[in-house]
Amino acid sequence: MGRHFPLRSLALLLLAAAGCTPPAGDLLQGDVEIDGSSTVYLITEAMASSFKKIHPDVNVSVGISGTGGGFKKFAAGETDIQDASRNIKPQEDEACKKAGIEYVKLQVAWDGIAVVVHPDNAWARKMTAEQLRQIWHPDSAAKKWSDVDPKWPNETIKLFGTGTDSGTHDFFTEKINGKEKLIRKDFEASADPNVIVRGVEGNKYAIGFMGLAYYEANKDKLGLVAIAAKKGDPYVTPNKVTVLDGSYKPLSRPLFIYIKKESLKRPEVKAFAEFYLRRDDLVEDVRYVKMSIRQSAAQKKKLEDVLKTLGN
């Protein structure tokens, strides 16, 4: 008779064949607490779901408080990992230092902020960054489409965007209006990108902004605007090529996770962090742009170096 493998041994062999590193000894257990960006959430949730198939006894909890809201929890010691669609701000870094929290920042993907309109909007499918500024800046806020271009409809613009705790909000306002959170007050803000989708979809004269992945998931309901960084530049729509090569200006950006070094001493957090950087195929599955091979290798090396300093 042939040799029979226990079910657990067979499962570990199958994981190894699939390129997944099985845990040493008993299956990993514990909790990994994550919060932050609604943009990075889609990637982290996909990572958590796949990770749990390998380590079913690890509970990976992923919240959506926005990048700013997430950093507050991170500095308060409530989470192990912070999803972020922008760099940490000096005041957020100072809050972490005061709490004795050290962290490692890892880039996990690239993203473009999509400017979206109603699918019946045929007049504003190409816009310059300056025209966007006319619409969104509080000092030059255009009330009607014809205020931006006389050839456009004499109809009131309805605006939708992400909330003020969102890294997407901070990045968009900085790149378009020149300063984070500088924006007209009469727009409908939501932490839920699906609210923005429904708002723009429901009004022919609406415009909004959101992470590219949310547009991709709803492109049958929305129109996409091609952006020129300045007048005379080519109009470029966001996709995995234009975001990665930087030609989608000025609204391409890196996406990050911040991990507490103290949390990395726990085997379940360490295993999840290594899994996150290894499974960049999941980045594309949720419609984001994965890093180049060189960029990915640099982030893996960065994590390895931190783990060595922690004795892992």
C-alpha atoms as a PDB file:
ATOM      1  CA  MET A   1       0.000   0.000   0.000  1.00  0.00           C
ATOM      2  CA  GLY A   2       1.077   3.575  -0.630  1.00  0.00           C
ATOM      3  CA  ARG A   3       1.963   5.910   2.162  1.00  0.00           C
ATOM      4  CA  HIS A   4      -0.910   8.004   3.553  1.00  0.00           C
ATOM      5  CA  PHE A   5      -0.398  11.611   4.649  1.00  0.00           C
ATOM      6  CA  PRO A   6      -2.403  13.146   7.505  1.00  0.00           C
ATOM      7  CA  LEU A   7      -4.778  15.821   6.218  1.00  0.00           C
ATOM      8  CA  ARG A   8      -2.788  18.606   7.901  1.00  0.00           C
ATOM      9  CA  SER A   9       0.458  17.456   6.271  1.00  0.00           C
ATOM     10  CA  LEU A  10      -1.242  17.258   2.908  1.00  0.00           C
ATOM     11  CA  ALA A  11      -2.636  20.778   3.354  1.00  0.00           C
ATOM     12  CA  LEU A  12       0.814  22.156   4.124  1.00  0.00           C
ATOM     13  CA  LEU A  13       2.279  20.427   1.084  1.00  0.00           C
ATOM     14  CA  LEU A  14      -0.406  21.956  -1.117  1.00  0.00           C
ATOM     15  CA  LEU A  15       0.289  25.400   0.317  1.00  0.00           C
ATOM     16  CA  ALA A  16       3.983  25.004  -0.375  1.00  0.00           C
ATOM     17  CA  ALA A  17       3.254  23.921  -3.952  1.00  0.00           C
ATOM     18  CA  ALA A  18       1.143  27.045  -4.411  1.00  0.00           C
ATOM     19  CA  GLY A  19       4.037  29.243  -3.378  1.00  0.00           C
ATOM     20  CA  CYS A  20       2.657  29.985   0.091  1.00  0.00           C
ATOM     21  CA  THR A  21       4.903  29.620   3.119  1.00  0.00           C
ATOM     22  CA  PRO A  22       3.192  27.409   5.689  1.00  0.00           C
ATOM     23  CA  PRO A  23       3.609  28.339   9.339  1.00  0.00           C
ATOM     24  CA  ALA A  24       6.115  26.473  11.462  1.00  0.00           C
ATOM     25  CA  GLY A  25       4.623  24.236  14.129  1.00  0.00           C
ATOM     26  CA  ASP A  26       1.027  24.929  15.036  1.00  0.00           C
ATOM     27  CA  LEU A  27      -1.184  27.123  12.875  1.00  0.00           C
ATOM     28  CA  LEU A  28      -0.842  30.829  13.642  1.00  0.00           C
ATOM     29  CA  GLN A  29      -3.350  32.373  15.996  1.00  0.00           C
ATOM     30  CA  GLY A  30      -4.129  35.897  17.138  1.00  0.00           C
ATOM     31  CA  ASP A  31      -5.503  39.198  15.905  1.00  0.00           C
ATOM     32  CA  VAL A  32      -4.277  41.759  13.396  1.00  0.00           C
ATOM     33  CA  GLU A  33      -6.023  45.122  13.745  1.00  0.00           C
ATOM     34  CA  ILE A  34      -6.023  47.405  10.684  1.00  0.00           C
ATOM     35  CA  ASP A  35      -7.754  50.705   9.914  1.00  0.00           C
ATOM     36  CA  GLY A  36      -7.379  53.779   7.728  1.00  0.00           C
ATOM     37  CA  SER A  37      -7.783  54.634   4.067  1.00  0.00           C
ATOM     38  CA  SER A  38     -10.919  53.585   2.192  1.00  0.00           C
ATOM     39  CA  THR A  39      -8.748  53.469  -0.929  1.00  0.00           C
ATOM     40  CA  VAL A  40      -6.186  51.029   0.470  1.00  0.00           C
ATOM     41  CA  TYR A  41      -9.003  49.105   2.179  1.00  0.00           C
ATOM     42  CA  LEU A  42      -9.817  47.264  -1.043  1.00  0.00           C
ATOM     43  CA  ILE A  43      -6.268  45.911  -1.255  1.00  0.00           C
ATOM     44  CA  THR A  44      -5.978  45.086   2.440  1.00  0.00           C
ATOM     45  CA  GLU A  45      -9.350  43.361   2.532  1.00  0.00           C
ATOM     46  CA  ALA A  46      -8.309  41.170  -0.413  1.00  0.00           C
ATOM     47  CA  MET A  47      -5.041  40.372   1.379  1.00  0.00           C
ATOM     48  CA  ALA A  48      -6.869  39.556   4.608  1.00  0.00           C
ATOM     49  CA  SER A  49      -9.333  37.261   2.847  1.00  0.00           C
ATOM     50  CA  SER A  50      -6.583  35.286   1.104  1.00  0.00           C
ATOM     51  CA  PHE A  51      -4.373  35.217   4.204  1.00  0.00           C
ATOM     52  CA  LYS A  52      -7.193  33.739   6.264  1.00  0.00           C
ATOM     53  CA  LYS A  53      -7.441  30.783   3.877  1.00  0.00           C
ATOM     54  CA  ILE A  54      -3.912  29.851   4.928  1.00  0.00           C
ATOM     55  CA  HIS A  55      -4.192  30.917   8.566  1.00  0.00           C
ATOM     56  CA  PRO A  56      -7.857  30.456   9.553  1.00  0.00           C
ATOM     57  CA  ASP A  57      -7.132  31.016  13.244  1.00  0.00           C
ATOM     58  CA  VAL A  58      -5.813  34.544  12.670  1.00  0.00           C
ATOM     59  CA  ASN A  59      -8.490  37.227  12.821  1.00  0.00           C
ATOM     60  CA  VAL A  60      -7.586  40.116  10.518  1.00  0.00           C
ATOM     61  CA  SER A  61      -9.924  43.046  11.145  1.00  0.00           C
ATOM     62  CA  VAL A  62      -9.955  45.829   8.514  1.00  0.00           C
ATOM     63  CA  GLY A  63     -11.723  49.114   9.252  1.00  0.00           C
ATOM     64  CA  ILE A  64     -12.333  52.251   7.178  1.00  0.00           C
ATOM     65  CA  SER A  65     -11.831  55.441   9.170  1.00  0.00           C
ATOM     66  CA  GLY A  66     -10.062  57.329   6.388  1.00  0.00           C
ATOM     67  CA  THR A  67      -6.337  57.989   6.389  1.00  0.00           C
ATOM     68  CA  GLY A  68      -6.581  60.804   8.943  1.00  0.00           C
ATOM     69  CA  GLY A  69      -9.001  58.946  11.211  1.00  0.00           C
ATOM     70  CA  GLY A  70      -6.886  55.827  10.967  1.00  0.00           C
ATOM     71  CA  PHE A  71      -3.705  57.624  12.028  1.00  0.00           C
ATOM     72  CA  LYS A  72      -5.510  58.805  15.173  1.00  0.00           C
ATOM     73  CA  LYS A  73      -6.254  55.181  16.078  1.00  0.00           C
ATOM     74  CA  PHE A  74      -2.730  54.137  15.093  1.00  0.00           C
ATOM     75  CA  ALA A  75      -1.166  56.728  17.409  1.00  0.00           C
ATOM     76  CA  ALA A  76      -3.583  55.760  20.178  1.00  0.00           C
ATOM     77  CA  GLY A  77      -2.325  52.188  20.067  1.00  0.00           C
ATOM     78  CA  GLU A  78      -5.591  50.752  18.784  1.00  0.00           C
ATOM     79  CA  THR A  79      -4.259  49.202  15.574  1.00  0.00           C
ATOM     80  CA  ASP A  80      -1.267  47.238  14.307  1.00  0.00           C
ATOM     81  CA  ILE A  81      -1.367  48.429  10.692  1.00  0.00           C
ATOM     82  CA  GLN A  82      -2.480  51.712   9.147  1.00  0.00           C
ATOM     83  CA  ASP A  83      -3.762  51.881   5.570  1.00  0.00           C
ATOM     84  CA  ALA A  84      -2.746  55.232   4.069  1.00  0.00           C
ATOM     85  CA  SER A  85      -3.310  56.899   0.705  1.00  0.00           C
ATOM     86  CA  ARG A  86      -0.809  59.648   1.551  1.00  0.00           C
ATOM     87  CA  ASN A  87       2.328  60.128   3.616  1.00  0.00           C
ATOM     88  CA  ILE A  88       2.017  60.558   7.358  1.00  0.00           C
ATOM     89  CA  LYS A  89       1.793  64.224   8.373  1.00  0.00           C
ATOM     90  CA  PRO A  90       4.303  65.793  10.814  1.00  0.00           C
ATOM     91  CA  GLN A  91       1.668  66.156  13.534  1.00  0.00           C
ATOM     92  CA  GLU A  92       0.621  62.520  13.107  1.00  0.00           C
ATOM     93  CA  ASP A  93       4.238  61.407  13.296  1.00  0.00           C
ATOM     94  CA  GLU A  94       4.703  63.497  16.440  1.00  0.00           C
ATOM     95  CA  ALA A  95       1.636  61.872  18.015  1.00  0.00           C
ATOM     96  CA  CYS A  96       3.181  58.464  17.362  1.00  0.00           C
ATOM     97  CA  LYS A  97       6.501  59.554  18.899  1.00  0.00           C
ATOM     98  CA  LYS A  98       4.765  60.862  22.009  1.00  0.00           C
ATOM     99  CA  ALA A  99       3.033  57.502  22.380  1.00  0.00           C
ATOM    100  CA  GLY A 100       6.340  55.647  21.911  1.00  0.00           C
ATOM    101  CA  ILE A 101       5.168  54.094  18.659  1.00  0.00           C
ATOM    102  CA  GLU A 102       7.792  53.251  16.048  1.00  0.00           C
ATOM    103  CA  TYR A 103       6.701  52.104  12.617  1.00  0.00           C
ATOM    104  CA  VAL A 104       7.848  51.058   9.181  1.00  0.00           C
ATOM    105  CA  LYS A 105       6.247  52.603   6.089  1.00  0.00           C
ATOM    106  CA  LEU A 106       5.822  50.296   3.102  1.00  0.00           C
ATOM    107  CA  GLN A 107       4.509  51.195  -0.323  1.00  0.00           C
ATOM    108  CA  VAL A 108       2.111  48.514  -1.548  1.00  0.00           C
ATOM    109  CA  ALA A 109       0.685  49.866  -4.834  1.00  0.00           C
ATOM    110  CA  TRP A 110       0.052  52.843  -7.102  1.00  0.00           C
ATOM    111  CA  ASP A 111      -3.244  54.602  -7.654  1.00  0.00           C
ATOM    112  CA  GLY A 112      -4.713  57.406  -9.707  1.00  0.00           C
ATOM    113  CA  ILE A 113      -7.512  59.660  -8.522  1.00  0.00           C
ATOM    114  CA  ALA A 114     -10.311  59.457 -11.060  1.00  0.00           C
ATOM    115  CA  VAL A 115     -12.355  62.540 -11.918  1.00  0.00           C
ATOM    116  CA  VAL A 116     -15.807  61.310 -12.885  1.00  0.00           C
ATOM    117  CA  VAL A 117     -18.916  62.775 -14.493  1.00  0.00           C
ATOM    118  CA  HIS A 118     -22.344  61.565 -15.508  1.00  0.00           C
ATOM    119  CA  PRO A 119     -22.181  59.221 -18.533  1.00  0.00           C
ATOM    120  CA  ASP A 120     -24.309  61.673 -20.546  1.00  0.00           C
ATOM    121  CA  ASN A 121     -21.784  64.447 -19.973  1.00  0.00           C
ATOM    122  CA  ALA A 122     -20.120  64.762 -23.388  1.00  0.00           C
ATOM    123  CA  TRP A 123     -18.726  68.297 -22.939  1.00  0.00           C
ATOM    124  CA  ALA A 124     -16.238  67.836 -20.073  1.00  0.00           C
ATOM    125  CA  ARG A 125     -14.506  64.551 -20.884  1.00  0.00           C
ATOM    126  CA  LYS A 126     -11.244  66.514 -21.228  1.00  0.00           C
ATOM    127  CA  MET A 127     -10.227  69.042 -18.583  1.00  0.00           C
ATOM    128  CA  THR A 128      -7.058  70.806 -17.491  1.00  0.00           C
ATOM    129  CA  ALA A 129      -5.955  70.897 -13.864  1.00  0.00           C
ATOM    130  CA  GLU A 130      -6.665  74.638 -13.956  1.00  0.00           C
ATOM    131  CA  GLN A 131     -10.286  74.011 -15.002  1.00  0.00           C
ATOM    132  CA  LEU A 132     -10.632  71.592 -12.100  1.00  0.00           C
ATOM    133  CA  ARG A 133      -9.236  74.299  -9.847  1.00  0.00           C
ATOM    134  CA  GLN A 134     -11.890  76.706 -11.130  1.00  0.00           C
ATOM    135  CA  ILE A 135     -14.522  74.240 -10.028  1.00  0.00           C
ATOM    136  CA  TRP A 136     -13.084  73.162  -6.672  1.00  0.00           C
ATOM    137  CA  HIS A 137     -11.127  76.145  -5.304  1.00  0.00           C
ATOM    138  CA  PRO A 138     -13.159  78.262  -2.849  1.00  0.00           C
ATOM    139  CA  ASP A 139     -11.839  81.551  -4.273  1.00  0.00           C
ATOM    140  CA  SER A 140     -12.781  80.799  -7.873  1.00  0.00           C
ATOM    141  CA  ALA A 141     -15.621  78.377  -7.489  1.00  0.00           C
ATOM    142  CA  ALA A 142     -17.563  78.100 -10.714  1.00  0.00           C
ATOM    143  CA  LYS A 143     -21.279  77.781 -10.058  1.00  0.00           C
ATOM    144  CA  LYS A 144     -22.231  76.644 -13.544  1.00  0.00           C
ATOM    145  CA  TRP A 145     -20.480  74.632 -16.225  1.00  0.00           C
ATOM    146  CA  SER A 146     -20.580  77.702 -18.475  1.00  0.00           C
ATOM    147  CA  ASP A 147     -18.488  79.558 -15.859  1.00  0.00           C
ATOM    148  CA  VAL A 148     -15.628  77.185 -16.730  1.00  0.00           C
ATOM    149  CA  ASP A 149     -16.147  77.274 -20.493  1.00  0.00           C
ATOM    150  CA  PRO A 150     -18.812  79.415 -22.213  1.00  0.00           C
ATOM    151  CA  LYS A 151     -19.452  76.563 -24.648  1.00  0.00           C
ATOM    152  CA  TRP A 152     -20.531  74.294 -21.806  1.00  0.00           C
ATOM    153  CA  PRO A 153     -24.123  74.109 -20.463  1.00  0.00           C
ATOM    154  CA  ASN A 154     -25.567  76.960 -18.453  1.00  0.00           C
ATOM    155  CA  GLU A 155     -26.382  74.499 -15.695  1.00  0.00           C
ATOM    156  CA  THR A 156     -25.408  74.358 -12.021  1.00  0.00           C
ATOM    157  CA  ILE A 157     -22.512  72.036 -11.185  1.00  0.00           C
ATOM    158  CA  LYS A 158     -23.247  69.460  -8.488  1.00  0.00           C
ATOM    159  CA  LEU A 159     -20.112  68.311  -6.689  1.00  0.00           C
ATOM    160  CA  PHE A 160     -19.247  65.074  -4.886  1.00  0.00           C
ATOM    161  CA  GLY A 161     -16.000  64.061  -3.221  1.00  0.00           C
ATOM    162  CA  THR A 162     -14.366  62.191  -0.380  1.00  0.00           C
ATOM    163  CA  GLY A 163     -14.555  63.445   3.206  1.00  0.00           C
ATOM    164  CA  THR A 164     -11.945  65.507   5.027  1.00  0.00           C
ATOM    165  CA  ASP A 165     -10.508  62.498   6.910  1.00  0.00           C
ATOM    166  CA  SER A 166      -9.675  60.887   3.580  1.00  0.00           C
ATOM    167  CA  GLY A 167      -6.157  60.750   2.152  1.00  0.00           C
ATOM    168  CA  THR A 168      -7.783  60.978  -1.270  1.00  0.00           C
ATOM    169  CA  HIS A 169      -9.316  64.307  -0.227  1.00  0.00           C
ATOM    170  CA  ASP A 170      -5.958  65.611   1.020  1.00  0.00           C
ATOM    171  CA  PHE A 171      -4.085  64.520  -2.106  1.00  0.00           C
ATOM    172  CA  PHE A 172      -6.696  65.880  -4.524  1.00  0.00           C
ATOM    173  CA  THR A 173      -6.966  69.264  -2.808  1.00  0.00           C
ATOM    174  CA  GLU A 174      -3.187  69.655  -2.569  1.00  0.00           C
ATOM    175  CA  LYS A 175      -2.589  68.804  -6.233  1.00  0.00           C
ATOM    176  CA  ILE A 176      -5.527  70.775  -7.652  1.00  0.00           C
ATOM    177  CA  ASN A 177      -5.972  73.651  -5.193  1.00  0.00           C
ATOM    178  CA  GLY A 178      -2.412  73.917  -3.878  1.00  0.00           C
ATOM    179  CA  LYS A 179      -3.152  73.096  -0.252  1.00  0.00           C
ATOM    180  CA  GLU A 180      -4.585  70.130   1.624  1.00  0.00           C
ATOM    181  CA  LYS A 181      -8.242  70.510   2.609  1.00  0.00           C
ATOM    182  CA  LEU A 182      -8.567  73.807   0.711  1.00  0.00           C
ATOM    183  CA  ILE A 183     -11.885  73.285  -1.044  1.00  0.00           C
ATOM    184  CA  ARG A 184     -15.244  74.948  -1.581  1.00  0.00           C
ATOM    185  CA  LYS A 185     -17.811  74.187   1.109  1.00  0.00           C
ATOM    186  CA  ASP A 186     -20.846  73.430  -1.049  1.00  0.00           C
ATOM    187  CA  PHE A 187     -19.863  69.932  -2.149  1.00  0.00           C
ATOM    188  CA  GLU A 188     -21.301  66.667  -0.881  1.00  0.00           C
ATOM    189  CA  ALA A 189     -18.584  64.820   1.037  1.00  0.00           C
ATOM    190  CA  SER A 190     -18.689  61.161   1.952  1.00  0.00           C
ATOM    191  CA  ALA A 191     -16.286  58.608   3.386  1.00  0.00           C
ATOM    192  CA  ASP A 192     -18.081  56.000   1.289  1.00  0.00           C
ATOM    193  CA  PRO A 193     -17.058  56.137  -2.404  1.00  0.00           C
ATOM    194  CA  ASN A 194     -20.296  54.373  -3.310  1.00  0.00           C
ATOM    195  CA  VAL A 195     -22.191  57.488  -2.197  1.00  0.00           C
ATOM    196  CA  ILE A 196     -20.107  59.502  -4.669  1.00  0.00           C
ATOM    197  CA  VAL A 197     -20.892  56.985  -7.408  1.00  0.00           C
ATOM    198  CA  ARG A 198     -24.621  57.229  -6.763  1.00  0.00           C
ATOM    199  CA  GLY A 199     -24.482  61.032  -6.584  1.00  0.00           C
ATOM    200  CA  VAL A 200     -22.693  61.481  -9.898  1.00  0.00           C
ATOM    201  CA  GLU A 201     -24.725  58.756 -11.568  1.00  0.00           C
ATOM    202  CA  GLY A 202     -27.926  60.470 -10.494  1.00  0.00           C
ATOM    203  CA  ASN A 203     -27.225  63.981 -11.811  1.00  0.00           C
ATOM    204  CA  LYS A 204     -26.301  64.815 -15.419  1.00  0.00           C
ATOM    205  CA  TYR A 205     -24.455  67.948 -14.287  1.00  0.00           C
ATOM    206  CA  ALA A 206     -22.462  66.352 -11.477  1.00  0.00           C
ATOM    207  CA  ILE A 207     -18.708  65.882 -11.101  1.00  0.00           C
ATOM    208  CA  GLY A 208     -16.753  63.996  -8.453  1.00  0.00           C
ATOM    209  CA  PHE A 209     -13.420  62.448  -7.527  1.00  0.00           C
ATOM    210  CA  MET A 210     -12.498  59.046  -6.090  1.00  0.00           C
ATOM    211  CA  GLY A 211      -9.837  56.356  -6.176  1.00  0.00           C
ATOM    212  CA  LEU A 212      -9.399  54.747  -9.589  1.00  0.00           C
ATOM    213  CA  ALA A 213     -10.452  51.292  -8.363  1.00  0.00           C
ATOM    214  CA  TYR A 214     -13.890  52.577  -7.402  1.00  0.00           C
ATOM    215  CA  TYR A 215     -14.326  54.043 -10.882  1.00  0.00           C
ATOM    216  CA  GLU A 216     -13.222  50.761 -12.465  1.00  0.00           C
ATOM    217  CA  ALA A 217     -15.809  48.902 -10.399  1.00  0.00           C
ATOM    218  CA  ASN A 218     -18.533  51.299 -11.572  1.00  0.00           C
ATOM    219  CA  LYS A 219     -17.421  52.370 -15.047  1.00  0.00           C
ATOM    220  CA  ASP A 220     -20.739  51.287 -16.561  1.00  0.00           C
ATOM    221  CA  LYS A 221     -22.386  54.029 -14.467  1.00  0.00           C
ATOM    222  CA  LEU A 222     -19.861  56.872 -14.825  1.00  0.00           C
ATOM    223  CA  GLY A 223     -17.925  58.891 -17.367  1.00  0.00           C
ATOM    224  CA  LEU A 224     -14.157  59.318 -16.937  1.00  0.00           C
ATOM    225  CA  VAL A 225     -12.387  62.652 -17.450  1.00  0.00           C
ATOM    226  CA  ALA A 226      -8.983  62.850 -19.176  1.00  0.00           C
ATOM    227  CA  ILE A 227      -6.713  65.356 -17.417  1.00  0.00           C
ATOM    228  CA  ALA A 228      -3.988  67.665 -18.760  1.00  0.00           C
ATOM    229  CA  ALA A 229      -1.538  68.947 -16.132  1.00  0.00           C
ATOM    230  CA  LYS A 230      -1.550  72.332 -17.881  1.00  0.00           C
ATOM    231  CA  LYS A 231      -2.944  73.865 -21.043  1.00  0.00           C
ATOM    232  CA  GLY A 232      -1.173  72.457 -24.082  1.00  0.00           C
ATOM    233  CA  ASP A 233      -0.243  69.193 -22.399  1.00  0.00           C
ATOM    234  CA  PRO A 234      -1.818  65.949 -23.613  1.00  0.00           C
ATOM    235  CA  TYR A 235      -5.044  64.811 -21.991  1.00  0.00           C
ATOM    236  CA  VAL A 236      -4.472  61.529 -20.169  1.00  0.00           C
ATOM    237  CA  THR A 237      -6.934  59.111 -18.568  1.00  0.00           C
ATOM    238  CA  PRO A 238      -5.861  57.042 -15.552  1.00  0.00           C
ATOM    239  CA  ASN A 239      -5.065  53.371 -16.063  1.00  0.00           C
ATOM    240  CA  LYS A 240      -2.342  50.985 -14.903  1.00  0.00           C
ATOM    241  CA  VAL A 241       0.071  52.179 -17.605  1.00  0.00           C
ATOM    242  CA  THR A 242      -0.376  55.950 -17.186  1.00  0.00           C
ATOM    243  CA  VAL A 243      -0.388  55.739 -13.395  1.00  0.00           C
ATOM    244  CA  LEU A 244       2.775  53.632 -13.190  1.00  0.00           C
ATOM    245  CA  ASP A 245       4.734  55.656 -15.753  1.00  0.00           C
ATOM    246  CA  GLY A 246       3.643  58.958 -14.165  1.00  0.00           C
ATOM    247  CA  SER A 247       2.032  60.399 -17.293  1.00  0.00           C
ATOM    248  CA  TYR A 248      -1.313  60.777 -15.509  1.00  0.00           C
ATOM    249  CA  LYS A 249      -0.501  64.114 -13.911  1.00  0.00           C
ATOM    250  CA  PRO A 250      -0.996  65.451 -11.344  1.00  0.00           C
ATOM    251  CA  LEU A 251      -3.262  62.813  -9.816  1.00  0.00           C
ATOM    252  CA  SER A 252      -1.114  59.654  -9.636  1.00  0.00           C
ATOM    253  CA  ARG A 253       0.001  58.604  -6.156  1.00  0.00           C
ATOM    254  CA  PRO A 254       1.621  55.819  -4.128  1.00  0.00           C
ATOM    255  CA  LEU A 255      -0.373  53.813  -1.567  1.00  0.00           C
ATOM    256  CA  PHE A 256       1.067  52.696   1.768  1.00  0.00           C
ATOM    257  CA  ILE A 257       0.700  50.618   4.859  1.00  0.00           C
ATOM    258  CA  TYR A 258       2.335  51.672   8.133  1.00  0.00           C
ATOM    259  CA  ILE A 259       3.147  48.823  10.541  1.00  0.00           C
ATOM    260  CA  LYS A 260       4.055  49.188  14.202  1.00  0.00           C
ATOM    261  CA  LYS A 261       7.445  47.654  14.873  1.00  0.00           C
ATOM    262  CA  GLU A 262       6.244  46.314  18.216  1.00  0.00           C
ATOM    263  CA  SER A 263       3.385  44.521  16.439  1.00  0.00           C
ATOM    264  CA  LEU A 264       5.853  42.941  13.990  1.00  0.00           C
ATOM    265  CA  LYS A 265       7.308  40.980  16.902  1.00  0.00           C
ATOM    266  CA  ARG A 266       4.088  38.961  16.920  1.00  0.00           C
ATOM    267  CA  PRO A 267       4.239  36.061  14.442  1.00  0.00           C
ATOM    268  CA  GLU A 268       0.747  36.646  13.050  1.00  0.00           C
ATOM    269  CA  VAL A 269       1.518  40.301  12.170  1.00  0.00           C
ATOM    270  CA  LYS A 270       4.920  39.380  10.730  1.00  0.00           C
ATOM    271  CA  ALA A 271       3.358  36.647   8.590  1.00  0.00           C
ATOM    272  CA  PHE A 272       0.624  38.989   7.340  1.00  0.00           C
ATOM    273  CA  ALA A 273       3.122  41.737   6.441  1.00  0.00           C
ATOM    274  CA  GLU A 274       5.289  39.294   4.459  1.00  0.00           C
ATOM    275  CA  PHE A 275       2.206  37.876   2.757  1.00  0.00           C
ATOM    276  CA  TYR A 276       1.029  41.389   1.831  1.00  0.00           C
ATOM    277  CA  LEU A 277       4.242  42.206  -0.023  1.00  0.00           C
ATOM    278  CA  ARG A 278       4.463  38.771  -1.639  1.00  0.00           C
ATOM    279  CA  ARG A 279       0.932  38.673  -3.076  1.00  0.00           C
ATOM    280  CA  ASP A 280       1.053  41.731  -5.330  1.00  0.00           C
ATOM    281  CA  ASP A 281      -1.149  39.838  -7.784  1.00  0.00           C
ATOM    282  CA  LEU A 282      -4.054  40.717  -5.482  1.00  0.00           C
ATOM    283  CA  VAL A 283      -3.344  44.416  -6.095  1.00  0.00           C
ATOM    284  CA  GLU A 284      -4.344  43.989  -9.731  1.00  0.00           C
ATOM    285  CA  ASP A 285      -7.306  41.795  -8.775  1.00  0.00           C
ATOM    286  CA  VAL A 286      -8.889  44.788  -7.030  1.00  0.00           C
ATOM    287  CA  ARG A 287      -8.023  47.112  -9.951  1.00  0.00           C
ATOM    288  CA  TYR A 288      -5.038  48.958  -8.529  1.00  0.00           C
ATOM    289  CA  VAL A 289      -1.607  49.292 -10.128  1.00  0.00           C
ATOM    290  CA  LYS A 290       1.071  47.031  -8.726  1.00  0.00           C
ATOM    291  CA  MET A 291       4.620  48.262  -8.336  1.00  0.00           C
ATOM    292  CA  SER A 292       7.449  47.429 -10.701  1.00  0.00           C
ATOM    293  CA  ILE A 293       9.632  44.435  -9.856  1.00  0.00           C
ATOM    294  CA  ARG A 294      12.380  46.758  -8.641  1.00  0.00           C
ATOM    295  CA  GLN A 295      10.012  48.802  -6.501  1.00  0.00           C
ATOM    296  CA  SER A 296       8.495  45.664  -4.988  1.00  0.00           C
ATOM    297  CA  ALA A 297      11.919  44.202  -4.200  1.00  0.00           C
ATOM    298  CA  ALA A 298      12.923  47.418  -2.431  1.00  0.00           C
ATOM    299  CA  GLN A 299       9.887  47.254  -0.146  1.00  0.00           C
ATOM    300  CA  LYS A 300      10.501  43.578   0.669  1.00  0.00           C
ATOM    301  CA  LYS A 301      14.123  44.398   1.534  1.00  0.00           C
ATOM    302  CA  LYS A 302      12.946  47.257   3.737  1.00  0.00           C
ATOM    303  CA  LEU A 303      10.677  44.913   5.698  1.00  0.00           C
ATOM    304  CA  GLU A 304      13.395  42.245   5.956  1.00  0.00           C
ATOM    305  CA  ASP A 305      15.827  44.786   7.390  1.00  0.00           C
ATOM    306  CA  VAL A 306      13.318  45.896  10.022  1.00  0.00           C
ATOM    307  CA  LEU A 307      12.566  42.305  10.986  1.00  0.00           C
ATOM    308  CA  LYS A 308      16.284  41.643  11.463  1.00  0.00           C
ATOM    309  CA  THR A 309      16.568  44.567  13.869  1.00  0.00           C
ATOM    310  CA  LEU A 310      13.654  43.085  15.820  1.00  0.00           C
ATOM    311  CA  GLY A 311      15.320  39.690  15.961  1.00  0.00           C
ATOM    312  CA  ASN A 312      12.750  38.023  13.646  1.00  0.00           C
END
